[in-house]
N, C-alpha and C. Protein backbone atom coordinates (compact mmCIF):
# COMPACT_ATOMS: atom_id res chain seq x y z
N MET A 1 -22.89 -16.73 27.79
CA MET A 1 -21.60 -17.30 28.72
C MET A 1 -20.80 -17.41 27.35
N ALA A 2 -19.38 -17.26 27.58
CA ALA A 2 -18.28 -17.51 26.38
C ALA A 2 -17.56 -18.70 27.00
N SER A 3 -17.87 -19.63 25.97
CA SER A 3 -17.45 -20.91 26.52
C SER A 3 -15.68 -21.17 25.59
N GLY A 4 -15.40 -20.22 24.53
CA GLY A 4 -13.94 -20.07 23.92
C GLY A 4 -14.42 -20.88 22.77
N TRP A 5 -15.62 -21.32 22.39
CA TRP A 5 -15.41 -22.15 20.90
C TRP A 5 -15.83 -21.17 19.67
N ALA A 6 -15.38 -21.17 18.57
CA ALA A 6 -15.64 -20.46 17.51
C ALA A 6 -17.20 -20.63 17.20
N ASN A 7 -18.09 -19.78 16.68
CA ASN A 7 -19.15 -20.05 16.60
C ASN A 7 -19.37 -20.73 15.08
N ASP A 8 -20.42 -21.65 14.96
CA ASP A 8 -20.76 -22.25 13.76
C ASP A 8 -20.52 -21.13 12.44
N GLY A 9 -20.92 -20.34 12.39
CA GLY A 9 -21.08 -19.18 11.29
C GLY A 9 -19.52 -18.90 11.27
N ALA A 10 -18.44 -18.53 12.13
CA ALA A 10 -17.16 -18.53 11.41
C ALA A 10 -16.34 -19.65 10.94
N VAL A 11 -16.91 -20.48 11.32
CA VAL A 11 -16.05 -21.83 10.26
C VAL A 11 -16.88 -21.93 9.32
N GLN A 12 -17.92 -21.73 9.02
CA GLN A 12 -18.43 -21.75 7.60
C GLN A 12 -17.88 -20.80 6.85
N ASP A 13 -17.80 -19.57 7.69
CA ASP A 13 -17.24 -18.37 6.68
C ASP A 13 -15.64 -18.52 6.20
N GLN A 14 -14.72 -19.17 7.00
CA GLN A 14 -13.71 -19.78 6.53
C GLN A 14 -13.88 -20.62 5.26
N ILE A 15 -14.48 -21.71 5.66
CA ILE A 15 -14.73 -22.67 4.54
C ILE A 15 -15.07 -21.70 3.28
N ASP A 16 -16.18 -20.88 3.18
CA ASP A 16 -16.63 -20.47 2.10
C ASP A 16 -15.14 -19.41 1.35
N SER A 17 -14.26 -18.58 2.45
CA SER A 17 -13.83 -17.95 1.79
C SER A 17 -12.70 -18.77 0.95
N THR A 18 -12.15 -20.15 1.36
CA THR A 18 -11.09 -20.88 0.80
C THR A 18 -11.98 -21.28 -0.43
N VAL A 19 -13.08 -21.57 -0.62
CA VAL A 19 -13.65 -22.30 -1.55
C VAL A 19 -13.75 -21.23 -2.91
N GLU A 20 -13.88 -19.81 -2.04
CA GLU A 20 -13.79 -18.50 -3.41
C GLU A 20 -12.86 -18.61 -3.90
N ASP A 21 -11.41 -18.78 -2.97
CA ASP A 21 -10.24 -18.05 -3.54
C ASP A 21 -9.71 -19.45 -4.36
N ALA A 22 -10.04 -20.73 -3.88
CA ALA A 22 -9.79 -21.94 -4.94
C ALA A 22 -10.80 -21.35 -6.37
N VAL A 23 -11.65 -21.03 -6.51
CA VAL A 23 -12.61 -20.75 -7.54
C VAL A 23 -11.82 -19.51 -8.39
N ALA A 24 -11.35 -18.58 -7.59
CA ALA A 24 -10.42 -17.42 -8.16
C ALA A 24 -9.53 -17.93 -9.00
N ARG A 25 -8.71 -18.45 -8.15
CA ARG A 25 -7.47 -19.08 -8.77
C ARG A 25 -7.77 -19.89 -9.94
N ALA A 26 -8.86 -20.93 -9.70
CA ALA A 26 -8.95 -21.40 -11.29
C ALA A 26 -9.18 -20.50 -12.17
N ARG A 27 -10.22 -19.78 -12.27
CA ARG A 27 -11.07 -18.67 -12.90
C ARG A 27 -9.67 -18.01 -14.00
N ARG A 28 -8.65 -17.17 -12.74
CA ARG A 28 -7.52 -16.68 -13.19
C ARG A 28 -6.54 -17.66 -14.04
N ASP A 29 -6.83 -19.06 -13.55
CA ASP A 29 -5.59 -19.68 -14.49
C ASP A 29 -6.20 -20.21 -15.97
N LEU A 30 -7.51 -19.98 -16.19
CA LEU A 30 -7.93 -20.40 -17.19
C LEU A 30 -6.96 -19.90 -18.23
N PRO A 31 -6.83 -20.83 -19.33
CA PRO A 31 -6.57 -20.38 -20.89
C PRO A 31 -7.37 -19.39 -21.52
N LYS A 32 -6.60 -18.37 -22.29
CA LYS A 32 -7.52 -16.95 -22.83
C LYS A 32 -7.01 -17.09 -24.17
N GLY A 33 -7.53 -16.07 -25.01
CA GLY A 33 -6.99 -16.42 -26.50
C GLY A 33 -6.79 -17.28 -27.53
N GLU A 34 -6.35 -17.29 -28.26
CA GLU A 34 -6.03 -18.52 -29.49
C GLU A 34 -5.05 -19.56 -29.03
N SER A 35 -5.16 -20.98 -28.80
CA SER A 35 -4.50 -21.97 -28.78
C SER A 35 -3.28 -21.90 -29.54
N LEU A 36 -1.97 -21.99 -28.92
CA LEU A 36 -0.47 -22.08 -29.40
C LEU A 36 -0.42 -23.35 -30.31
N LYS A 37 0.08 -23.41 -31.41
CA LYS A 37 0.56 -24.74 -31.91
C LYS A 37 1.78 -24.99 -31.24
N GLU A 38 2.48 -24.49 -30.71
CA GLU A 38 3.83 -24.60 -29.72
C GLU A 38 3.74 -24.38 -28.45
N CYS A 39 4.19 -24.85 -27.66
CA CYS A 39 4.13 -24.88 -26.20
C CYS A 39 5.47 -23.90 -26.14
N GLU A 40 4.34 -22.95 -25.19
CA GLU A 40 5.08 -21.43 -25.06
C GLU A 40 6.20 -21.79 -23.54
N GLU A 41 6.50 -22.98 -23.24
CA GLU A 41 7.41 -23.24 -22.31
C GLU A 41 8.86 -24.13 -22.88
N CYS A 42 8.46 -24.88 -23.52
CA CYS A 42 9.19 -26.04 -24.20
C CYS A 42 9.57 -25.86 -26.04
N GLY A 43 8.49 -25.38 -26.56
CA GLY A 43 8.58 -25.41 -27.86
C GLY A 43 8.05 -26.54 -28.68
N GLU A 44 7.49 -27.60 -28.17
CA GLU A 44 6.94 -29.05 -28.57
C GLU A 44 5.67 -28.22 -29.07
N PRO A 45 5.50 -29.42 -30.28
CA PRO A 45 4.11 -29.22 -31.08
C PRO A 45 3.12 -29.09 -29.56
N ILE A 46 2.15 -28.45 -29.97
CA ILE A 46 0.27 -28.95 -29.15
C ILE A 46 -0.14 -29.46 -29.95
N PRO A 47 -0.54 -31.07 -29.59
CA PRO A 47 -1.62 -31.43 -30.51
C PRO A 47 -2.64 -30.77 -31.14
N ASP A 48 -3.65 -31.22 -31.91
CA ASP A 48 -4.68 -30.53 -32.84
C ASP A 48 -6.02 -30.85 -31.60
N ALA A 49 -5.54 -32.14 -31.20
CA ALA A 49 -6.65 -32.58 -29.78
C ALA A 49 -6.85 -31.72 -28.95
N ARG A 50 -5.62 -31.37 -28.25
CA ARG A 50 -5.23 -30.73 -27.15
C ARG A 50 -5.94 -29.52 -27.05
N ARG A 51 -5.69 -28.75 -28.45
CA ARG A 51 -6.17 -27.41 -28.72
C ARG A 51 -7.41 -27.19 -29.10
N LYS A 52 -8.37 -28.01 -29.46
CA LYS A 52 -9.38 -28.06 -29.50
C LYS A 52 -10.20 -28.52 -28.24
N ALA A 53 -9.71 -29.24 -27.68
CA ALA A 53 -10.11 -29.45 -26.10
C ALA A 53 -10.07 -28.36 -25.17
N ILE A 54 -9.36 -27.86 -25.46
CA ILE A 54 -8.82 -26.41 -24.24
C ILE A 54 -8.85 -25.37 -25.53
N PRO A 55 -9.61 -24.64 -25.22
CA PRO A 55 -9.58 -23.17 -26.00
C PRO A 55 -8.27 -22.18 -25.73
N GLY A 56 -7.62 -21.78 -26.16
CA GLY A 56 -6.51 -20.94 -25.64
C GLY A 56 -5.60 -21.25 -25.01
N VAL A 57 -5.38 -23.11 -25.11
CA VAL A 57 -4.05 -23.35 -24.30
C VAL A 57 -2.94 -23.04 -24.92
N ARG A 58 -1.88 -23.05 -23.80
CA ARG A 58 -0.47 -22.62 -24.36
C ARG A 58 0.60 -23.46 -23.72
N LEU A 59 0.17 -24.69 -23.19
CA LEU A 59 1.44 -25.41 -22.74
C LEU A 59 0.61 -26.37 -23.22
N CYS A 60 1.85 -27.74 -23.59
CA CYS A 60 2.07 -29.00 -24.04
C CYS A 60 1.43 -29.66 -22.82
N VAL A 61 1.34 -30.94 -22.81
CA VAL A 61 0.85 -31.22 -21.52
C VAL A 61 1.80 -32.13 -20.46
N ASN A 62 2.88 -32.14 -20.36
CA ASN A 62 4.09 -32.35 -19.80
C ASN A 62 4.12 -30.64 -18.94
N CYS A 63 4.77 -30.05 -19.56
CA CYS A 63 4.95 -28.52 -19.22
C CYS A 63 3.47 -28.09 -18.31
N GLN A 64 2.25 -28.48 -18.59
CA GLN A 64 1.16 -28.26 -17.86
C GLN A 64 0.95 -29.01 -16.58
N GLN A 65 1.39 -30.17 -17.15
CA GLN A 65 1.86 -31.07 -15.34
C GLN A 65 2.79 -30.43 -14.29
N LYS A 66 3.91 -30.00 -15.07
CA LYS A 66 4.91 -29.71 -14.45
C LYS A 66 4.24 -27.96 -13.45
N LYS A 67 3.62 -27.28 -14.10
CA LYS A 67 2.80 -26.50 -13.62
C LYS A 67 1.85 -26.57 -12.85
N ASP A 68 1.06 -27.64 -13.10
CA ASP A 68 0.39 -27.86 -11.82
C ASP A 68 0.89 -28.24 -10.58
N LEU A 69 1.74 -29.29 -10.82
CA LEU A 69 2.72 -29.79 -9.82
C LEU A 69 2.74 -28.83 -8.71
N LYS A 70 3.96 -27.92 -9.52
CA LYS A 70 4.38 -26.41 -8.78
C LYS A 70 3.61 -25.67 -8.11
N ASN A 71 2.42 -25.38 -8.70
CA ASN A 71 1.40 -24.62 -7.89
C ASN A 71 0.02 -25.18 -7.05
N GLN A 72 0.49 -26.74 -6.89
CA GLN A 72 0.21 -27.47 -5.65
C GLN A 72 1.00 -27.66 -4.65
N ALA A 73 2.00 -27.27 -4.98
CA ALA A 73 3.13 -27.25 -4.02
C ALA A 73 3.16 -26.09 -3.16
N ASN A 74 2.48 -24.90 -4.03
CA ASN A 74 2.39 -23.57 -3.54
C ASN A 74 1.65 -23.25 -2.78
N SER A 75 0.57 -24.17 -2.78
CA SER A 75 -0.71 -23.74 -2.57
C SER A 75 -1.22 -24.81 -0.86
N GLY A 76 -0.30 -24.49 -0.32
CA GLY A 76 -0.10 -25.62 1.16
C GLY A 76 -0.71 -24.79 2.00
N TYR A 77 -1.27 -23.44 1.77
CA TYR A 77 -2.20 -22.60 2.74
C TYR A 77 -3.31 -23.20 2.75
N ASN A 78 -3.43 -23.22 4.04
CA ASN A 78 -4.93 -23.87 4.56
C ASN A 78 -5.21 -23.02 5.88
N ARG A 79 -6.41 -21.95 4.92
CA ARG A 79 -6.71 -21.09 6.04
C ARG A 79 -7.36 -21.63 7.34
N ARG A 80 -7.75 -22.78 6.95
CA ARG A 80 -8.80 -23.60 8.15
C ARG A 80 -8.27 -24.23 9.16
N GLY A 81 -6.58 -24.60 8.82
CA GLY A 81 -6.24 -24.86 10.38
C GLY A 81 -6.28 -26.23 10.79
N SER A 82 -6.13 -26.39 11.57
CA SER A 82 -6.50 -27.83 12.53
C SER A 82 -8.05 -27.73 12.99
N LYS A 83 -8.70 -28.72 12.93
CA LYS A 83 -10.02 -28.45 13.61
C LYS A 83 -9.99 -28.06 14.77
N GLU A 84 -9.01 -28.14 15.88
CA GLU A 84 -8.77 -28.07 17.31
C GLU A 84 -8.54 -26.39 17.41
N SER A 85 -7.70 -26.01 16.32
CA SER A 85 -7.67 -24.76 16.57
C SER A 85 -9.08 -23.94 16.00
N GLN A 86 -9.76 -24.29 15.11
CA GLN A 86 -11.00 -23.58 14.84
C GLN A 86 -11.65 -23.34 16.27
N LEU A 87 -12.17 -24.41 17.18
CA LEU A 87 -12.52 -24.43 18.12
C LEU A 87 -12.22 -23.74 19.34
N ARG A 88 -11.51 -23.24 19.23
CA ARG A 88 -10.91 -22.37 20.30
C ARG A 88 -11.33 -21.08 20.61
């Protein structure tokens, strides 16, 4: 008998897909190559400690924070939706 509720497997599949997308995005955004001595956005020096801590770093802390905030604002996509919509 169809009850109109999503089965548990479908909900878990959505959760898994959301997590996989986030991991793929994080891996894609990891710095690659040699660390820069100056920020590629603003030209400010990147401290040695930051360059050693994050191999391949390309941005200073301020520019990285701005980029992260912008990415966070643009990632408002919530595949899971509301709990009620999942259960229909």
